[in-house]
Amino acid sequence: MAEITAALVGRLREMTNAGLMDCKKALTESNGDLDAAVDILRKKGIATAAKKASREAKEGAIANYVQAGGRLGVLVEINCETDFVAKNETFRAFCDEVAKTLANDPKTDLEPLRTAQVAKIGENIKISRFERYEVKGKGAVAAYIHTGAKVGVLVEVGAGKDETVASETFKQLVRDITLQIAAAHPIAVGREQIDPKLIEKEREIAAEQMKNKPAAAIAKIVEGKLEKYYQTVCLLDQGFVKQNAEISVREHMAAISKQLNDQINVHQFVRFQVGEMFGS
């Protein structure tokens, strides 16, 4: 039996906003498994939020580099030991240099740069991850770094015509999409990109919450809850933040496409947040 420590209970409470006793019971039931405990609380309708369990305390910054013309861009997370260093201008300049270097050559050896910066700053530094997008057809790459450099976004948006890509309307749309991703934290462009296992998990949780309802009503309620899930995690289904969610991102993009007489699509995006674990 895993030890249910106060720290573990506190972390689950932070993730779910559930009460301390409910968190302790859920952790006991899950034998200390945080992810399983979140699911238990959600099935009971106790969890009011389900923040990512894959958080850990790290400091650092997100940096980007987009080449002139917007056809290639890089987003990188670089970690350090203290927030003081993360805000240091020398460290930020180093992050920018790494992003530009990766844009020019993603296979370059960054170790000499890193070790030189460690000697200069006096803290351990880790180049944790990066994404590099390059437009193959017609379109543009754009990036956005939120105030404080703790959240960053890289997106590739495609179009059918060169004049579309050159238009200020298209450029504004791309900027708005980066802000949408930063603010609303989608995990996929559309529903077809969601892992079927995640969908099945949401379906199971919704069905468990409704288990005391009449059988004929459960299926309809579960589908309604899945629709809400899609509107939360799929970029195109999210309410467009800039218009107070009165229309979806898909609807806004369709309107811009019609205005420009072209087909505009979000090909891919990535959102980095300092301190989140990845690749697990």
Protein backbone atom coordinates (compact mmCIF):
# COMPACT_ATOMS: atom_id res chain seq x y z
CA MET A 1 0.00 0.00 0.00
CA ALA A 2 1.48 3.32 -1.07
CA GLU A 3 1.96 5.97 1.63
CA ILE A 4 -0.67 8.71 1.31
CA THR A 5 1.31 11.75 2.40
CA ALA A 6 -0.05 15.20 3.14
CA ALA A 7 1.93 16.51 0.16
CA LEU A 8 0.27 13.99 -2.16
CA VAL A 9 -3.18 14.90 -0.82
CA GLY A 10 -2.37 18.59 -1.26
CA ARG A 11 -1.28 18.05 -4.84
CA LEU A 12 -4.49 16.20 -5.70
CA ARG A 13 -6.51 18.96 -4.09
CA GLU A 14 -4.67 21.56 -6.16
CA MET A 15 -5.39 19.55 -9.32
CA THR A 16 -9.10 18.99 -8.66
CA ASN A 17 -10.34 21.58 -6.13
CA ALA A 18 -11.87 18.70 -4.16
CA GLY A 19 -11.95 18.57 -0.35
CA LEU A 20 -9.04 17.17 1.64
CA MET A 21 -10.93 14.11 2.93
CA ASP A 22 -12.29 13.33 -0.54
CA CYS A 23 -8.76 13.57 -1.93
CA LYS A 24 -7.37 11.30 0.77
CA LYS A 25 -10.11 8.69 0.17
CA ALA A 26 -9.54 8.79 -3.58
CA LEU A 27 -5.78 8.35 -3.16
CA THR A 28 -6.34 5.46 -0.77
CA GLU A 29 -8.68 3.83 -3.29
CA SER A 30 -6.18 4.36 -6.12
CA ASN A 31 -3.21 3.22 -4.00
CA GLY A 32 -1.53 6.60 -4.42
CA ASP A 33 -1.97 6.89 -8.21
CA LEU A 34 -2.69 10.59 -8.89
CA ASP A 35 -4.21 10.12 -12.34
CA ALA A 36 -6.48 7.32 -11.13
CA ALA A 37 -7.49 9.43 -8.11
CA VAL A 38 -8.50 12.30 -10.42
CA ASP A 39 -10.72 9.88 -12.38
CA ILE A 40 -12.30 8.59 -9.16
CA LEU A 41 -13.17 12.12 -8.03
CA ARG A 42 -14.52 13.04 -11.47
CA LYS A 43 -16.72 9.93 -11.59
CA LYS A 44 -18.15 10.91 -8.21
CA GLY A 45 -18.76 14.44 -9.48
CA ILE A 46 -16.51 15.84 -6.76
CA ALA A 47 -13.73 17.25 -8.91
CA THR A 48 -14.59 20.70 -10.23
CA ALA A 49 -11.40 20.87 -12.28
CA ALA A 50 -8.91 18.37 -13.61
CA LYS A 51 -5.63 20.15 -14.13
CA LYS A 52 -2.83 18.17 -15.72
CA ALA A 53 -1.36 15.67 -13.31
CA SER A 54 1.93 15.96 -15.19
CA ARG A 55 3.08 19.14 -13.47
CA GLU A 56 6.35 19.59 -11.74
CA ALA A 57 8.08 22.62 -10.30
CA LYS A 58 10.65 24.00 -12.75
CA GLU A 59 11.80 27.47 -13.62
CA GLY A 60 12.79 28.76 -17.01
CA ALA A 61 11.42 30.46 -20.10
CA ILE A 62 9.84 29.81 -23.47
CA ALA A 63 11.50 31.46 -26.47
CA ASN A 64 10.77 31.57 -30.18
CA TYR A 65 12.31 32.51 -33.48
CA VAL A 66 10.36 33.01 -36.72
CA GLN A 67 12.33 33.70 -39.88
CA ALA A 68 11.46 36.72 -42.02
CA GLY A 69 8.60 35.81 -44.31
CA GLY A 70 7.01 33.53 -41.72
CA ARG A 71 7.80 30.22 -43.42
CA LEU A 72 9.86 28.69 -40.63
CA GLY A 73 9.68 28.98 -36.87
CA VAL A 74 10.95 27.41 -33.64
CA LEU A 75 9.57 27.24 -30.10
CA VAL A 76 11.89 26.11 -27.31
CA GLU A 77 11.69 25.59 -23.54
CA ILE A 78 14.84 26.17 -21.52
CA ASN A 79 14.90 25.46 -17.80
CA CYS A 80 17.02 26.86 -15.00
CA GLU A 81 17.02 26.56 -11.22
CA THR A 82 15.47 29.84 -10.03
CA ASP A 83 12.89 32.33 -11.20
CA PHE A 84 15.46 35.07 -10.60
CA VAL A 85 17.62 33.66 -13.40
CA ALA A 86 14.58 32.95 -15.58
CA LYS A 87 13.89 36.71 -15.59
CA ASN A 88 17.53 37.63 -16.18
CA GLU A 89 18.20 39.46 -19.46
CA THR A 90 21.34 37.42 -20.11
CA PHE A 91 19.40 34.17 -19.73
CA ARG A 92 16.59 35.45 -21.98
CA ALA A 93 19.12 36.47 -24.64
CA PHE A 94 20.59 32.96 -24.44
CA CYS A 95 17.10 31.46 -24.96
CA ASP A 96 16.59 33.63 -28.04
CA GLU A 97 19.99 32.59 -29.38
CA VAL A 98 19.13 28.91 -28.94
CA ALA A 99 15.82 29.35 -30.77
CA LYS A 100 17.53 31.07 -33.71
CA THR A 101 20.26 28.42 -33.81
CA LEU A 102 17.67 25.62 -33.92
CA ALA A 103 15.82 27.41 -36.71
CA ASN A 104 18.96 27.47 -38.82
CA ASP A 105 19.98 23.89 -37.97
CA PRO A 106 17.80 21.67 -35.76
CA LYS A 107 20.60 19.08 -35.47
CA THR A 108 23.24 21.50 -34.22
CA ASP A 109 25.19 20.63 -31.07
CA LEU A 110 23.93 23.03 -28.40
CA GLU A 111 26.14 21.70 -25.61
CA PRO A 112 28.92 24.31 -26.04
CA LEU A 113 26.33 27.10 -25.84
CA ARG A 114 24.70 25.51 -22.80
CA THR A 115 27.91 24.91 -20.84
CA ALA A 116 29.13 28.44 -21.55
CA GLN A 117 25.86 29.83 -20.22
CA VAL A 118 26.05 27.63 -17.09
CA ALA A 119 29.50 29.08 -16.38
CA LYS A 120 28.20 32.62 -16.92
CA ILE A 121 24.94 32.32 -14.93
CA GLY A 122 26.07 29.95 -12.19
CA GLU A 123 23.02 27.69 -12.39
CA ASN A 124 22.31 24.42 -14.11
CA ILE A 125 20.53 24.99 -17.44
CA LYS A 126 18.60 22.42 -19.46
CA ILE A 127 17.39 22.80 -23.05
CA SER A 128 14.29 20.69 -22.50
CA ARG A 129 12.41 20.55 -25.79
CA PHE A 130 11.71 22.36 -29.01
CA GLU A 131 9.41 22.26 -32.04
CA ARG A 132 10.34 23.46 -35.50
CA TYR A 133 7.71 24.11 -38.20
CA GLU A 134 8.43 24.82 -41.84
CA VAL A 135 5.74 25.65 -44.39
CA LYS A 136 5.87 23.29 -47.37
CA GLY A 137 3.14 24.85 -49.52
CA LYS A 138 1.32 28.15 -49.07
CA GLY A 139 0.86 29.42 -45.56
CA ALA A 140 2.64 30.90 -42.57
CA VAL A 141 4.23 30.01 -39.26
CA ALA A 142 3.67 32.33 -36.29
CA ALA A 143 4.61 32.33 -32.63
CA TYR A 144 3.40 34.03 -29.47
CA ILE A 145 5.10 34.30 -26.09
CA HIS A 146 2.83 35.30 -23.23
CA THR A 147 3.94 37.94 -20.74
CA GLY A 148 6.58 36.46 -18.43
CA ALA A 149 7.71 33.90 -21.04
CA LYS A 150 6.07 31.03 -19.15
CA VAL A 151 3.72 30.10 -22.02
CA GLY A 152 4.51 30.01 -25.71
CA VAL A 153 2.72 28.95 -28.88
CA LEU A 154 3.86 27.96 -32.37
CA VAL A 155 1.31 27.44 -35.15
CA GLU A 156 1.29 26.67 -38.87
CA VAL A 157 -1.69 27.89 -40.90
CA GLY A 158 -2.14 26.98 -44.55
CA ALA A 159 -3.91 28.76 -47.39
CA GLY A 160 -4.56 28.19 -51.09
CA LYS A 161 -3.28 31.44 -52.57
CA ASP A 162 -0.16 33.55 -52.16
CA GLU A 163 -2.25 36.73 -52.04
CA THR A 164 -4.13 35.33 -49.05
CA VAL A 165 -0.90 34.76 -47.12
CA ALA A 166 0.26 38.29 -47.97
CA SER A 167 -2.97 39.91 -46.79
CA GLU A 168 -3.21 41.70 -43.44
CA THR A 169 -6.52 39.90 -42.79
CA PHE A 170 -4.79 36.51 -42.93
CA LYS A 171 -1.89 37.71 -40.79
CA GLN A 172 -4.33 38.99 -38.16
CA LEU A 173 -6.18 35.67 -38.19
CA VAL A 174 -2.93 33.79 -37.57
CA ARG A 175 -2.05 36.13 -34.68
CA ASP A 176 -5.52 35.61 -33.20
CA ILE A 177 -5.12 31.85 -33.41
CA THR A 178 -1.85 31.97 -31.44
CA LEU A 179 -3.60 34.00 -28.73
CA GLN A 180 -6.51 31.54 -28.72
CA ILE A 181 -4.17 28.60 -28.18
CA ALA A 182 -2.28 30.38 -25.41
CA ALA A 183 -5.47 31.35 -23.57
CA ALA A 184 -7.72 28.32 -24.13
CA HIS A 185 -5.11 25.52 -24.14
CA PRO A 186 -6.54 23.13 -26.76
CA ILE A 187 -4.80 19.77 -27.18
CA ALA A 188 -5.70 19.16 -30.85
CA VAL A 189 -6.82 21.04 -33.95
CA GLY A 190 -9.93 18.90 -34.48
CA ARG A 191 -11.79 15.90 -33.09
CA GLU A 192 -10.13 13.43 -35.43
CA GLN A 193 -6.80 14.13 -33.75
CA ILE A 194 -7.97 13.23 -30.24
CA ASP A 195 -6.62 9.93 -28.97
CA PRO A 196 -9.56 7.43 -28.98
CA LYS A 197 -8.46 6.30 -25.52
CA LEU A 198 -9.06 9.82 -24.17
CA ILE A 199 -12.52 9.92 -25.72
CA GLU A 200 -13.38 6.53 -24.26
CA LYS A 201 -12.15 7.68 -20.86
CA GLU A 202 -14.39 10.79 -21.01
CA ARG A 203 -17.31 8.62 -22.09
CA GLU A 204 -16.73 6.26 -19.16
CA ILE A 205 -16.52 9.13 -16.65
CA ALA A 206 -19.70 10.74 -18.00
CA ALA A 207 -21.59 7.43 -17.91
CA GLU A 208 -20.50 6.82 -14.31
CA GLN A 209 -21.73 10.27 -13.29
CA MET A 210 -25.14 9.51 -14.83
CA LYS A 211 -25.45 5.89 -13.67
CA ASN A 212 -28.57 6.60 -11.60
CA LYS A 213 -30.42 8.15 -14.52
CA PRO A 214 -32.90 6.19 -16.69
CA ALA A 215 -31.03 4.00 -19.20
CA ALA A 216 -32.75 5.68 -22.14
CA ALA A 217 -31.42 9.07 -21.08
CA ILE A 218 -27.83 8.09 -20.32
CA ALA A 219 -26.62 7.80 -23.92
CA LYS A 220 -27.98 11.22 -24.85
CA ILE A 221 -26.49 12.86 -21.75
CA VAL A 222 -23.12 11.21 -22.33
CA GLU A 223 -23.01 12.46 -25.93
CA GLY A 224 -23.84 15.95 -24.67
CA LYS A 225 -20.96 15.80 -22.21
CA LEU A 226 -18.62 14.58 -24.95
CA GLU A 227 -19.66 17.55 -27.07
CA LYS A 228 -18.69 19.85 -24.19
CA TYR A 229 -15.37 18.02 -23.95
CA TYR A 230 -14.66 18.63 -27.63
CA GLN A 231 -15.50 22.30 -27.20
CA THR A 232 -12.90 22.44 -24.44
CA VAL A 233 -9.97 20.58 -26.02
CA CYS A 234 -10.38 20.99 -29.81
CA LEU A 235 -9.16 24.30 -31.21
CA LEU A 236 -11.75 24.48 -33.99
CA ASP A 237 -14.63 23.69 -31.60
CA GLN A 238 -13.60 26.19 -28.94
CA GLY A 239 -15.45 29.46 -28.54
CA PHE A 240 -13.42 32.21 -30.21
CA VAL A 241 -11.95 34.09 -27.26
CA LYS A 242 -11.61 37.39 -29.11
CA GLN A 243 -15.38 37.49 -29.67
CA ASN A 244 -16.28 36.33 -26.17
CA ALA A 245 -16.94 32.77 -27.40
CA GLU A 246 -20.09 33.86 -29.26
CA ILE A 247 -18.86 31.93 -32.30
CA SER A 248 -16.44 29.02 -32.63
CA VAL A 249 -12.92 29.25 -34.01
CA ARG A 250 -14.13 27.14 -36.94
CA GLU A 251 -16.91 29.63 -37.70
CA HIS A 252 -14.54 32.58 -37.49
CA MET A 253 -12.04 30.90 -39.82
CA ALA A 254 -14.84 30.06 -42.27
CA ALA A 255 -15.88 33.72 -42.34
CA ILE A 256 -12.31 34.83 -43.05
CA SER A 257 -11.95 32.14 -45.72
CA LYS A 258 -15.11 33.40 -47.41
CA GLN A 259 -13.92 37.00 -47.17
CA LEU A 260 -10.62 36.11 -48.86
CA ASN A 261 -12.23 33.62 -51.26
CA ASP A 262 -9.80 30.92 -50.17
CA GLN A 263 -9.52 27.81 -48.00
CA ILE A 264 -7.64 28.40 -44.74
CA ASN A 265 -6.65 25.54 -42.40
CA VAL A 266 -4.69 25.15 -39.18
CA HIS A 267 -2.16 22.45 -40.00
CA GLN A 268 -0.52 22.05 -36.60
CA PHE A 269 0.29 23.82 -33.35
CA VAL A 270 2.19 23.34 -30.14
CA ARG A 271 1.79 25.05 -26.78
CA PHE A 272 4.62 24.96 -24.25
CA GLN A 273 4.27 25.90 -20.59
CA VAL A 274 7.28 26.07 -18.33
CA GLY A 275 7.40 23.19 -15.88
CA GLU A 276 4.96 20.78 -17.50
CA MET A 277 6.20 17.27 -18.06
CA PHE A 278 6.07 15.83 -21.54
CA GLY A 279 6.65 12.66 -23.48
CA SER A 280 5.09 10.49 -20.80
